[in-house]
Amino acid sequence: MNAAQGAREDARPGPDSPLGLKIVVAGGFGAGKTTLVGAVSESRPLRTEERLSQAGESLDVTGGVADKSTTTVAMDFGRIAIRQGLSLYLFGTPGQDRFWFLWDDLSDGALGAVVLADTRRLADCFPAVDYFERRALPFLVAVNCFAQERSYGADEVARALDLDRGTPVVLCDARDRDSGKEVLIRLVEHAGRRHTARRVRPAG
């Protein structure tokens, strides 16, 4: 059984989790996706990390994250219960463009997505933002603040990314479980409002 098959088996709701929602965690290389999934997951997270190699130096742009020594090559997977009867299944995407062909499978059937942003490399968010906007998948931007040289406000980030009106921007620490859980709750609330609005929108 490969990693993706194992994650799909894990994602099947059990008797204590009658409702399971799929969430995608995306963002640029080194933004903290693996850290966030690992911090919030109540089960041992599945990771597919490999060490950065000399052969990949021309592809792995590490400006701003020079201390990063590994990269996700398939996905991260974790699981967290938000409340009784509701579990979230987290699928972290690889950040490098040569692995973007995996995003369609990872996003299939998702309720929504978290786009994790590192303001040292904010432009790395644009592919993820464009991807979810084109697919009309609800998402929010979570600004990972733990390694920043200066603080950035949510409005400032929203303007820099040219986000559609109503797209939430939240500040977080990807290492902190409570902070990550709050991001996920905000996403579920946002996605719920979006899906409700679509159902009640008049035809024509």
N, C-alpha and C. Protein backbone atom coordinates (compact mmCIF):
# COMPACT_ATOMS: atom_id res chain seq x y z
N MET A 1 0.85 -1.19 0.00
CA MET A 1 0.00 0.00 0.00
C MET A 1 0.89 1.24 0.00
N ASN A 2 0.64 2.17 -0.96
CA ASN A 2 1.45 3.38 -0.99
C ASN A 2 0.92 4.43 -0.03
N ALA A 3 1.62 5.58 0.05
CA ALA A 3 1.26 6.60 1.04
C ALA A 3 -0.14 7.15 0.80
N ALA A 4 -0.46 7.43 -0.47
CA ALA A 4 -1.77 8.01 -0.76
C ALA A 4 -2.89 7.03 -0.43
N GLN A 5 -2.70 5.74 -0.74
CA GLN A 5 -3.71 4.75 -0.42
C GLN A 5 -3.90 4.63 1.08
N GLY A 6 -2.78 4.65 1.82
CA GLY A 6 -2.87 4.58 3.27
C GLY A 6 -3.62 5.76 3.85
N ALA A 7 -3.38 6.95 3.30
CA ALA A 7 -4.07 8.13 3.78
C ALA A 7 -5.56 8.05 3.49
N ARG A 8 -5.93 7.54 2.31
CA ARG A 8 -7.35 7.40 1.99
C ARG A 8 -8.02 6.42 2.93
N GLU A 9 -7.33 5.32 3.28
CA GLU A 9 -7.89 4.38 4.24
C GLU A 9 -8.09 5.05 5.59
N ASP A 10 -7.11 5.85 6.01
CA ASP A 10 -7.19 6.55 7.29
C ASP A 10 -8.31 7.57 7.30
N ALA A 11 -8.62 8.12 6.12
CA ALA A 11 -9.59 9.20 6.03
C ALA A 11 -11.03 8.72 6.06
N ARG A 12 -11.27 7.41 6.04
CA ARG A 12 -12.62 6.91 6.10
C ARG A 12 -13.17 7.11 7.51
N PRO A 13 -14.33 7.76 7.63
CA PRO A 13 -14.88 8.03 8.96
C PRO A 13 -15.12 6.75 9.73
N GLY A 14 -14.71 6.73 10.99
CA GLY A 14 -14.96 5.61 11.87
C GLY A 14 -16.24 5.81 12.65
N PRO A 15 -16.57 4.88 13.53
CA PRO A 15 -17.83 4.98 14.27
C PRO A 15 -17.90 6.20 15.17
N ASP A 16 -16.75 6.71 15.61
CA ASP A 16 -16.74 7.89 16.47
C ASP A 16 -16.60 9.18 15.67
N SER A 17 -16.47 9.08 14.36
CA SER A 17 -16.32 10.27 13.51
C SER A 17 -17.27 10.16 12.33
N PRO A 18 -18.57 10.38 12.57
CA PRO A 18 -19.54 10.18 11.50
C PRO A 18 -19.38 11.15 10.34
N LEU A 19 -18.75 12.30 10.57
CA LEU A 19 -18.55 13.27 9.50
C LEU A 19 -17.07 13.63 9.41
N GLY A 20 -16.50 13.39 8.24
CA GLY A 20 -15.11 13.75 8.01
C GLY A 20 -15.01 14.70 6.83
N LEU A 21 -14.32 15.81 7.01
CA LEU A 21 -14.17 16.81 5.97
C LEU A 21 -12.71 16.89 5.53
N LYS A 22 -12.52 16.96 4.22
CA LYS A 22 -11.17 17.02 3.67
C LYS A 22 -10.74 18.47 3.51
N ILE A 23 -9.56 18.77 4.03
CA ILE A 23 -8.98 20.12 3.95
C ILE A 23 -7.60 20.01 3.29
N VAL A 24 -7.33 20.92 2.36
CA VAL A 24 -6.03 20.98 1.71
C VAL A 24 -5.21 22.09 2.36
N VAL A 25 -3.94 21.80 2.64
CA VAL A 25 -3.01 22.80 3.16
C VAL A 25 -1.95 23.03 2.09
N ALA A 26 -1.96 24.23 1.51
CA ALA A 26 -1.09 24.53 0.37
C ALA A 26 -0.24 25.75 0.69
N GLY A 27 0.60 26.13 -0.27
CA GLY A 27 1.47 27.28 -0.09
C GLY A 27 2.82 27.03 -0.73
N GLY A 28 3.67 28.01 -0.63
CA GLY A 28 4.98 27.92 -1.27
C GLY A 28 5.95 27.01 -0.54
N PHE A 29 7.08 26.78 -1.18
CA PHE A 29 8.15 25.97 -0.62
C PHE A 29 8.66 26.60 0.67
N GLY A 30 8.65 25.81 1.76
CA GLY A 30 9.18 26.29 3.02
C GLY A 30 8.25 27.17 3.82
N ALA A 31 6.95 27.24 3.46
CA ALA A 31 6.03 28.13 4.17
C ALA A 31 5.59 27.58 5.52
N GLY A 32 5.76 26.28 5.75
CA GLY A 32 5.39 25.69 7.03
C GLY A 32 4.24 24.71 6.96
N LYS A 33 3.94 24.17 5.79
CA LYS A 33 2.80 23.26 5.62
C LYS A 33 2.98 21.99 6.43
N THR A 34 4.14 21.36 6.32
CA THR A 34 4.40 20.13 7.08
C THR A 34 4.36 20.41 8.57
N THR A 35 4.88 21.54 8.98
CA THR A 35 4.87 21.92 10.39
C THR A 35 3.45 22.08 10.91
N LEU A 36 2.59 22.75 10.14
CA LEU A 36 1.20 22.97 10.56
C LEU A 36 0.45 21.65 10.68
N VAL A 37 0.55 20.80 9.67
CA VAL A 37 -0.16 19.52 9.72
C VAL A 37 0.32 18.69 10.91
N GLY A 38 1.63 18.66 11.13
CA GLY A 38 2.16 17.90 12.26
C GLY A 38 1.76 18.46 13.60
N ALA A 39 1.65 19.79 13.69
CA ALA A 39 1.32 20.42 14.97
C ALA A 39 -0.11 20.14 15.40
N VAL A 40 -1.05 20.12 14.45
CA VAL A 40 -2.46 19.98 14.81
C VAL A 40 -2.94 18.54 14.80
N SER A 41 -2.25 17.66 14.11
CA SER A 41 -2.76 16.30 13.93
C SER A 41 -2.78 15.54 15.26
N GLU A 42 -3.91 14.86 15.51
CA GLU A 42 -4.06 14.06 16.72
C GLU A 42 -3.55 12.64 16.51
N SER A 43 -3.35 12.24 15.28
CA SER A 43 -2.72 10.98 14.98
C SER A 43 -1.32 11.25 14.45
N ARG A 44 -0.50 10.24 14.42
CA ARG A 44 0.85 10.44 13.91
C ARG A 44 0.78 10.86 12.45
N PRO A 45 1.29 12.03 12.09
CA PRO A 45 1.13 12.51 10.70
C PRO A 45 1.94 11.66 9.74
N LEU A 46 1.39 11.49 8.56
CA LEU A 46 2.10 10.83 7.47
C LEU A 46 2.88 11.90 6.72
N ARG A 47 4.16 11.67 6.52
CA ARG A 47 5.00 12.64 5.82
C ARG A 47 5.76 11.95 4.72
N THR A 48 6.00 12.66 3.64
CA THR A 48 6.78 12.13 2.52
C THR A 48 7.92 13.10 2.22
N GLU A 49 8.74 13.35 3.22
CA GLU A 49 9.84 14.30 3.07
C GLU A 49 11.11 13.59 2.63
N GLU A 50 11.86 14.27 1.81
CA GLU A 50 13.19 13.83 1.39
C GLU A 50 14.17 14.97 1.61
N ARG A 51 15.42 14.62 1.83
CA ARG A 51 16.43 15.64 2.04
C ARG A 51 16.74 16.35 0.73
N LEU A 52 16.95 17.66 0.82
CA LEU A 52 17.38 18.42 -0.35
C LEU A 52 18.76 17.93 -0.78
N SER A 53 18.93 17.77 -2.07
CA SER A 53 20.18 17.24 -2.59
C SER A 53 20.91 18.26 -3.44
N GLN A 54 22.17 18.01 -3.67
CA GLN A 54 22.96 18.90 -4.52
C GLN A 54 22.42 18.90 -5.94
N ALA A 55 21.87 17.76 -6.38
CA ALA A 55 21.33 17.66 -7.74
C ALA A 55 20.14 18.58 -7.95
N GLY A 56 19.43 18.91 -6.85
CA GLY A 56 18.24 19.75 -6.98
C GLY A 56 18.48 21.21 -6.68
N GLU A 57 19.73 21.63 -6.54
CA GLU A 57 20.03 23.00 -6.15
C GLU A 57 19.45 24.02 -7.13
N SER A 58 19.46 23.68 -8.42
CA SER A 58 18.96 24.63 -9.42
C SER A 58 17.45 24.75 -9.38
N LEU A 59 16.75 23.78 -8.76
CA LEU A 59 15.29 23.79 -8.71
C LEU A 59 14.76 24.24 -7.37
N ASP A 60 15.49 23.98 -6.30
CA ASP A 60 15.03 24.29 -4.95
C ASP A 60 15.54 25.66 -4.55
N VAL A 61 14.72 26.67 -4.76
CA VAL A 61 15.11 28.04 -4.45
C VAL A 61 14.90 28.27 -2.96
N THR A 62 15.98 28.40 -2.20
CA THR A 62 15.89 28.46 -0.74
C THR A 62 16.11 29.85 -0.18
N GLY A 63 16.02 30.88 -1.01
CA GLY A 63 16.15 32.24 -0.51
C GLY A 63 15.11 32.53 0.55
N GLY A 64 15.56 32.98 1.73
CA GLY A 64 14.66 33.25 2.83
C GLY A 64 14.43 32.06 3.74
N VAL A 65 14.75 30.85 3.25
CA VAL A 65 14.60 29.64 4.07
C VAL A 65 15.86 28.79 3.94
N ALA A 66 16.99 29.44 4.09
CA ALA A 66 18.28 28.79 3.84
C ALA A 66 18.54 27.62 4.78
N ASP A 67 17.87 27.59 5.95
CA ASP A 67 18.10 26.50 6.89
C ASP A 67 17.23 25.28 6.60
N LYS A 68 16.40 25.33 5.57
CA LYS A 68 15.53 24.19 5.23
C LYS A 68 16.36 23.09 4.59
N SER A 69 16.22 21.86 5.10
CA SER A 69 17.03 20.75 4.60
C SER A 69 16.21 19.64 3.98
N THR A 70 14.87 19.69 4.08
CA THR A 70 14.02 18.65 3.51
C THR A 70 12.89 19.28 2.72
N THR A 71 12.24 18.47 1.89
CA THR A 71 11.09 18.94 1.11
C THR A 71 10.06 17.83 0.99
N THR A 72 8.79 18.19 0.94
CA THR A 72 7.72 17.22 0.74
C THR A 72 7.64 16.87 -0.74
N VAL A 73 7.65 15.57 -1.05
CA VAL A 73 7.67 15.14 -2.45
C VAL A 73 6.34 14.52 -2.88
N ALA A 74 5.41 14.31 -1.98
CA ALA A 74 4.09 13.79 -2.36
C ALA A 74 3.00 14.52 -1.59
N MET A 75 2.95 14.32 -0.27
CA MET A 75 1.93 14.99 0.53
C MET A 75 2.23 14.78 2.00
N ASP A 76 1.57 15.58 2.83
CA ASP A 76 1.48 15.34 4.27
C ASP A 76 0.03 14.97 4.56
N PHE A 77 -0.17 14.18 5.62
CA PHE A 77 -1.54 13.81 5.98
C PHE A 77 -1.66 13.79 7.50
N GLY A 78 -2.74 14.41 7.99
CA GLY A 78 -3.02 14.40 9.42
C GLY A 78 -4.52 14.42 9.66
N ARG A 79 -4.90 14.24 10.92
CA ARG A 79 -6.32 14.18 11.26
C ARG A 79 -6.54 14.85 12.61
N ILE A 80 -7.63 15.63 12.71
CA ILE A 80 -7.94 16.30 13.97
C ILE A 80 -9.45 16.35 14.13
N ALA A 81 -9.93 16.10 15.35
CA ALA A 81 -11.35 16.24 15.68
C ALA A 81 -11.59 17.67 16.14
N ILE A 82 -12.46 18.39 15.42
CA ILE A 82 -12.79 19.76 15.77
C ILE A 82 -13.81 19.80 16.90
N ARG A 83 -14.76 18.89 16.86
CA ARG A 83 -15.74 18.72 17.92
C ARG A 83 -16.29 17.31 17.82
N GLN A 84 -17.14 16.93 18.76
CA GLN A 84 -17.72 15.60 18.73
C GLN A 84 -18.45 15.36 17.41
N GLY A 85 -18.05 14.31 16.71
CA GLY A 85 -18.72 13.97 15.46
C GLY A 85 -18.20 14.67 14.23
N LEU A 86 -17.18 15.51 14.35
CA LEU A 86 -16.64 16.21 13.20
C LEU A 86 -15.12 16.14 13.21
N SER A 87 -14.57 15.48 12.21
CA SER A 87 -13.12 15.38 12.06
C SER A 87 -12.68 16.01 10.75
N LEU A 88 -11.49 16.59 10.77
CA LEU A 88 -10.89 17.14 9.56
C LEU A 88 -9.72 16.28 9.16
N TYR A 89 -9.65 15.98 7.88
CA TYR A 89 -8.55 15.20 7.32
C TYR A 89 -7.71 16.15 6.47
N LEU A 90 -6.47 16.33 6.87
CA LEU A 90 -5.61 17.37 6.30
C LEU A 90 -4.65 16.77 5.28
N PHE A 91 -4.64 17.34 4.10
CA PHE A 91 -3.75 16.90 3.03
C PHE A 91 -2.85 18.07 2.65
N GLY A 92 -1.57 17.97 3.02
CA GLY A 92 -0.62 19.02 2.69
C GLY A 92 0.00 18.79 1.33
N THR A 93 -0.01 19.82 0.50
CA THR A 93 0.53 19.70 -0.85
C THR A 93 2.04 19.93 -0.85
N PRO A 94 2.75 19.37 -1.82
CA PRO A 94 4.15 19.75 -2.01
C PRO A 94 4.22 21.18 -2.53
N GLY A 95 5.23 21.93 -2.10
CA GLY A 95 5.30 23.34 -2.46
C GLY A 95 6.01 23.65 -3.75
N GLN A 96 6.82 22.72 -4.24
CA GLN A 96 7.63 23.03 -5.42
C GLN A 96 6.84 22.78 -6.70
N ASP A 97 7.09 23.61 -7.70
CA ASP A 97 6.26 23.54 -8.91
C ASP A 97 6.39 22.22 -9.65
N ARG A 98 7.51 21.52 -9.51
CA ARG A 98 7.63 20.25 -10.24
C ARG A 98 6.73 19.16 -9.68
N PHE A 99 6.10 19.41 -8.49
CA PHE A 99 5.17 18.45 -7.91
C PHE A 99 3.72 18.92 -7.99
N TRP A 100 3.45 20.00 -8.71
CA TRP A 100 2.10 20.54 -8.75
C TRP A 100 1.11 19.62 -9.43
N PHE A 101 1.59 18.65 -10.23
CA PHE A 101 0.67 17.73 -10.88
C PHE A 101 -0.12 16.90 -9.87
N LEU A 102 0.33 16.86 -8.61
CA LEU A 102 -0.36 16.12 -7.55
C LEU A 102 -1.54 16.89 -6.97
N TRP A 103 -1.60 18.19 -7.21
CA TRP A 103 -2.59 19.02 -6.53
C TRP A 103 -4.02 18.64 -6.88
N ASP A 104 -4.29 18.26 -8.14
CA ASP A 104 -5.66 17.93 -8.52
C ASP A 104 -6.20 16.76 -7.70
N ASP A 105 -5.40 15.71 -7.54
CA ASP A 105 -5.84 14.56 -6.75
C ASP A 105 -6.01 14.94 -5.29
N LEU A 106 -5.08 15.72 -4.75
CA LEU A 106 -5.16 16.09 -3.34
C LEU A 106 -6.34 17.01 -3.06
N SER A 107 -6.74 17.80 -4.04
CA SER A 107 -7.84 18.75 -3.84
C SER A 107 -9.21 18.16 -4.15
N ASP A 108 -9.25 17.02 -4.81
CA ASP A 108 -10.52 16.41 -5.21
C ASP A 108 -11.38 16.12 -3.97
N GLY A 109 -12.59 16.66 -3.95
CA GLY A 109 -13.51 16.41 -2.85
C GLY A 109 -13.27 17.23 -1.60
N ALA A 110 -12.37 18.21 -1.66
CA ALA A 110 -12.06 19.00 -0.47
C ALA A 110 -13.15 20.02 -0.18
N LEU A 111 -13.39 20.27 1.11
CA LEU A 111 -14.30 21.34 1.53
C LEU A 111 -13.69 22.70 1.27
N GLY A 112 -12.39 22.83 1.51
CA GLY A 112 -11.71 24.10 1.35
C GLY A 112 -10.21 23.93 1.53
N ALA A 113 -9.51 25.05 1.52
CA ALA A 113 -8.05 25.00 1.57
C ALA A 113 -7.50 26.12 2.45
N VAL A 114 -6.37 25.83 3.06
CA VAL A 114 -5.56 26.82 3.75
C VAL A 114 -4.35 27.11 2.87
N VAL A 115 -4.16 28.37 2.51
CA VAL A 115 -2.94 28.77 1.81
C VAL A 115 -2.01 29.39 2.84
N LEU A 116 -0.94 28.69 3.16
CA LEU A 116 -0.01 29.17 4.18
C LEU A 116 1.00 30.12 3.53
N ALA A 117 1.16 31.28 4.13
CA ALA A 117 2.00 32.33 3.55
C ALA A 117 3.19 32.63 4.44
N ASP A 118 4.34 32.75 3.83
CA ASP A 118 5.55 33.21 4.48
C ASP A 118 5.86 34.57 3.86
N THR A 119 5.77 35.64 4.64
CA THR A 119 5.90 36.97 4.06
C THR A 119 7.32 37.27 3.56
N ARG A 120 8.29 36.44 3.91
CA ARG A 120 9.62 36.61 3.32
C ARG A 120 9.61 36.22 1.84
N ARG A 121 8.63 35.40 1.46
CA ARG A 121 8.52 34.90 0.09
C ARG A 121 7.05 34.93 -0.32
N LEU A 122 6.42 36.08 -0.16
CA LEU A 122 4.98 36.17 -0.34
C LEU A 122 4.56 35.82 -1.77
N ALA A 123 5.39 36.11 -2.74
CA ALA A 123 5.03 35.80 -4.13
C ALA A 123 4.83 34.31 -4.36
N ASP A 124 5.41 33.48 -3.50
CA ASP A 124 5.23 32.03 -3.64
C ASP A 124 3.79 31.60 -3.42
N CYS A 125 2.97 32.48 -2.84
CA CYS A 125 1.55 32.16 -2.60
C CYS A 125 0.70 32.27 -3.86
N PHE A 126 1.14 33.04 -4.83
CA PHE A 126 0.29 33.33 -5.98
C PHE A 126 -0.19 32.08 -6.71
N PRO A 127 0.66 31.07 -6.95
CA PRO A 127 0.15 29.88 -7.64
C PRO A 127 -0.98 29.19 -6.88
N ALA A 128 -0.87 29.10 -5.54
CA ALA A 128 -1.93 28.46 -4.76
C ALA A 128 -3.20 29.30 -4.77
N VAL A 129 -3.06 30.60 -4.61
CA VAL A 129 -4.23 31.49 -4.64
C VAL A 129 -4.94 31.38 -5.99
N ASP A 130 -4.17 31.44 -7.08
CA ASP A 130 -4.76 31.33 -8.42
C ASP A 130 -5.44 29.98 -8.61
N TYR A 131 -4.80 28.92 -8.12
CA TYR A 131 -5.33 27.57 -8.29
C TYR A 131 -6.71 27.44 -7.65
N PHE A 132 -6.86 27.88 -6.41
CA PHE A 132 -8.13 27.72 -5.71
C PHE A 132 -9.18 28.72 -6.20
N GLU A 133 -8.75 29.91 -6.62
CA GLU A 133 -9.71 30.85 -7.19
C GLU A 133 -10.29 30.30 -8.49
N ARG A 134 -9.45 29.74 -9.35
CA ARG A 134 -9.94 29.19 -10.63
C ARG A 134 -10.93 28.04 -10.41
N ARG A 135 -10.73 27.28 -9.37
CA ARG A 135 -11.60 26.13 -9.10
C ARG A 135 -12.76 26.48 -8.16
N ALA A 136 -12.86 27.76 -7.78
CA ALA A 136 -13.94 28.22 -6.89
C ALA A 136 -13.99 27.40 -5.61
N LEU A 137 -12.82 26.96 -5.13
CA LEU A 137 -12.75 26.23 -3.86
C LEU A 137 -12.52 27.24 -2.74
N PRO A 138 -13.37 27.27 -1.72
CA PRO A 138 -13.18 28.23 -0.63
C PRO A 138 -11.80 28.06 0.02
N PHE A 139 -11.14 29.18 0.30
CA PHE A 139 -9.84 29.11 0.96
C PHE A 139 -9.63 30.36 1.79
N LEU A 140 -8.69 30.26 2.70
CA LEU A 140 -8.22 31.43 3.42
C LEU A 140 -6.71 31.44 3.37
N VAL A 141 -6.13 32.59 3.64
CA VAL A 141 -4.68 32.73 3.71
C VAL A 141 -4.28 32.83 5.17
N ALA A 142 -3.38 31.96 5.59
CA ALA A 142 -2.87 31.96 6.96
C ALA A 142 -1.41 32.42 6.92
N VAL A 143 -1.13 33.56 7.51
CA VAL A 143 0.21 34.14 7.51
C VAL A 143 1.00 33.54 8.66
N ASN A 144 2.04 32.79 8.32
CA ASN A 144 2.86 32.13 9.31
C ASN A 144 3.86 33.15 9.88
N CYS A 145 3.62 33.56 11.11
CA CYS A 145 4.35 34.71 11.68
C CYS A 145 5.61 34.34 12.46
N PHE A 146 5.85 33.07 12.72
CA PHE A 146 6.89 32.75 13.71
C PHE A 146 8.29 33.13 13.28
N ALA A 147 8.54 33.19 11.99
CA ALA A 147 9.91 33.47 11.54
C ALA A 147 10.05 34.82 10.85
N GLN A 148 9.07 35.68 11.04
CA GLN A 148 9.09 36.93 10.28
C GLN A 148 9.98 37.97 10.94
N GLU A 149 10.59 38.80 10.09
CA GLU A 149 11.44 39.88 10.58
C GLU A 149 10.60 41.06 11.07
N ARG A 150 9.38 41.18 10.57
CA ARG A 150 8.48 42.22 11.03
C ARG A 150 7.06 41.70 10.90
N SER A 151 6.15 42.31 11.63
CA SER A 151 4.77 41.85 11.59
C SER A 151 4.05 42.46 10.39
N TYR A 152 3.12 41.71 9.84
CA TYR A 152 2.31 42.17 8.72
C TYR A 152 0.85 42.06 9.12
N GLY A 153 0.06 43.06 8.79
CA GLY A 153 -1.35 43.01 9.07
C GLY A 153 -2.10 42.23 8.01
N ALA A 154 -3.28 41.73 8.38
CA ALA A 154 -4.08 40.95 7.45
C ALA A 154 -4.46 41.77 6.22
N ASP A 155 -4.82 43.03 6.41
CA ASP A 155 -5.20 43.88 5.27
C ASP A 155 -4.03 44.08 4.31
N GLU A 156 -2.85 44.23 4.88
CA GLU A 156 -1.65 44.44 4.06
C GLU A 156 -1.38 43.22 3.18
N VAL A 157 -1.51 42.03 3.77
CA VAL A 157 -1.30 40.79 3.00
C VAL A 157 -2.38 40.62 1.94
N ALA A 158 -3.63 40.92 2.30
CA ALA A 158 -4.73 40.78 1.33
C ALA A 158 -4.50 41.68 0.12
N ARG A 159 -4.02 42.90 0.35
CA ARG A 159 -3.75 43.81 -0.77
C ARG A 159 -2.58 43.30 -1.61
N ALA A 160 -1.55 42.82 -0.94
CA ALA A 160 -0.36 42.35 -1.67
C ALA A 160 -0.69 41.16 -2.56
N LEU A 161 -1.61 40.30 -2.10
CA LEU A 161 -1.98 39.11 -2.87
C LEU A 161 -3.17 39.36 -3.80
N ASP A 162 -3.74 40.58 -3.73
CA ASP A 162 -4.88 40.94 -4.58
C ASP A 162 -6.01 39.92 -4.44
N LEU A 163 -6.36 39.61 -3.19
CA LEU A 163 -7.37 38.59 -2.92
C LEU A 163 -8.76 39.11 -3.26
N ASP A 164 -9.63 38.19 -3.67
CA ASP A 164 -11.03 38.53 -3.86
C ASP A 164 -11.62 39.01 -2.54
N ARG A 165 -12.55 39.94 -2.63
CA ARG A 165 -13.19 40.47 -1.43
C ARG A 165 -13.87 39.33 -0.67
N GLY A 166 -13.67 39.30 0.63
CA GLY A 166 -14.28 38.27 1.46
C GLY A 166 -13.38 37.08 1.75
N THR A 167 -12.22 37.00 1.07
CA THR A 167 -11.28 35.93 1.37
C THR A 167 -10.57 36.23 2.69
N PRO A 168 -10.73 35.39 3.71
CA PRO A 168 -10.13 35.70 5.02
C PRO A 168 -8.61 35.61 5.00
N VAL A 169 -7.98 36.48 5.77
CA VAL A 169 -6.55 36.40 6.05
C VAL A 169 -6.38 36.37 7.56
N VAL A 170 -5.70 35.35 8.06
CA VAL A 170 -5.50 35.21 9.50
C VAL A 170 -4.01 35.07 9.79
N LEU A 171 -3.62 35.49 10.98
CA LEU A 171 -2.23 35.35 11.41
C LEU A 171 -2.12 34.11 12.27
N CYS A 172 -1.02 33.37 12.14
CA CYS A 172 -0.88 32.13 12.90
C CYS A 172 0.58 31.82 13.16
N ASP A 173 0.80 30.86 14.03
CA ASP A 173 2.12 30.26 14.27
C ASP A 173 1.96 28.79 13.92
N ALA A 174 2.55 28.36 12.82
CA ALA A 174 2.35 26.99 12.34
C ALA A 174 2.86 25.94 13.32
N ARG A 175 3.69 26.33 14.28
CA ARG A 175 4.21 25.38 15.25
C ARG A 175 3.25 25.12 16.39
N ASP A 176 2.27 26.00 16.56
CA ASP A 176 1.41 25.98 17.74
C ASP A 176 0.07 25.31 17.41
N ARG A 177 -0.28 24.27 18.17
CA ARG A 177 -1.49 23.50 17.87
C ARG A 177 -2.75 24.36 17.97
N ASP A 178 -2.87 25.16 19.02
CA ASP A 178 -4.07 25.97 19.19
C ASP A 178 -4.21 26.99 18.06
N SER A 179 -3.09 27.58 17.66
CA SER A 179 -3.11 28.54 16.57
C SER A 179 -3.53 27.87 15.27
N GLY A 180 -2.98 26.69 14.99
CA GLY A 180 -3.35 25.97 13.78
C GLY A 180 -4.80 25.53 13.80
N LYS A 181 -5.27 25.09 14.97
CA LYS A 181 -6.67 24.66 15.07
C LYS A 181 -7.61 25.83 14.81
N GLU A 182 -7.27 27.02 15.29
CA GLU A 182 -8.10 28.19 15.05
C GLU A 182 -8.18 28.51 13.55
N VAL A 183 -7.07 28.34 12.85
CA VAL A 183 -7.07 28.54 11.40
C VAL A 183 -8.06 27.59 10.74
N LEU A 184 -8.05 26.33 11.14
CA LEU A 184 -8.94 25.34 10.54
C LEU A 184 -10.40 25.64 10.85
N ILE A 185 -10.68 26.07 12.06
CA ILE A 185 -12.06 26.43 12.41
C ILE A 185 -12.53 27.60 11.55
N ARG A 186 -11.68 28.60 11.38
CA ARG A 186 -12.04 29.75 10.54
C ARG A 186 -12.31 29.31 9.10
N LEU A 187 -11.52 28.36 8.60
CA LEU A 187 -11.73 27.88 7.24
C LEU A 187 -13.07 27.16 7.12
N VAL A 188 -13.38 26.27 8.09
CA VAL A 188 -14.65 25.54 8.03
C VAL A 188 -15.82 26.52 8.06
N GLU A 189 -15.73 27.55 8.90
CA GLU A 189 -16.80 28.55 8.96
C GLU A 189 -16.94 29.29 7.63
N HIS A 190 -15.80 29.69 7.06
CA HIS A 190 -15.81 30.41 5.78
C HIS A 190 -16.37 29.53 4.67
N ALA A 191 -15.92 28.28 4.60
CA ALA A 191 -16.40 27.38 3.56
C ALA A 191 -17.89 27.11 3.73
N GLY A 192 -18.35 26.98 4.98
CA GLY A 192 -19.76 26.77 5.23
C GLY A 192 -20.61 27.92 4.72
N ARG A 193 -20.14 29.15 4.95
CA ARG A 193 -20.87 30.31 4.45
C ARG A 193 -20.90 30.34 2.93
N ARG A 194 -19.77 29.99 2.30
CA ARG A 194 -19.71 29.99 0.84
C ARG A 194 -20.66 28.97 0.24
N HIS A 195 -20.67 27.77 0.82
CA HIS A 195 -21.53 26.71 0.28
C HIS A 195 -23.00 27.05 0.51
N THR A 196 -23.32 27.66 1.65
CA THR A 196 -24.70 28.07 1.91
C THR A 196 -25.15 29.13 0.91
N ALA A 197 -24.27 30.11 0.65
CA ALA A 197 -24.60 31.17 -0.29
C ALA A 197 -24.87 30.61 -1.68
N ARG A 198 -24.11 29.61 -2.09
CA ARG A 198 -24.32 29.00 -3.41
C ARG A 198 -25.68 28.31 -3.49
N ARG A 199 -26.08 27.66 -2.41
CA ARG A 199 -27.36 26.93 -2.42
C ARG A 199 -28.56 27.86 -2.50
N VAL A 200 -28.45 29.03 -1.87
CA VAL A 200 -29.60 29.93 -1.81
C VAL A 200 -29.57 30.97 -2.92
N ARG A 201 -28.51 31.01 -3.73
CA ARG A 201 -28.40 32.01 -4.79
C ARG A 201 -29.48 31.76 -5.83
N PRO A 202 -30.28 32.77 -6.17
CA PRO A 202 -31.35 32.57 -7.14
C PRO A 202 -30.81 32.24 -8.53
N ALA A 203 -31.55 31.42 -9.25
CA ALA A 203 -31.13 31.03 -10.59
C ALA A 203 -31.22 32.22 -11.54
N GLY A 204 -30.33 32.22 -12.54
CA GLY A 204 -30.36 33.27 -13.54
C GLY A 204 -29.67 34.52 -13.11
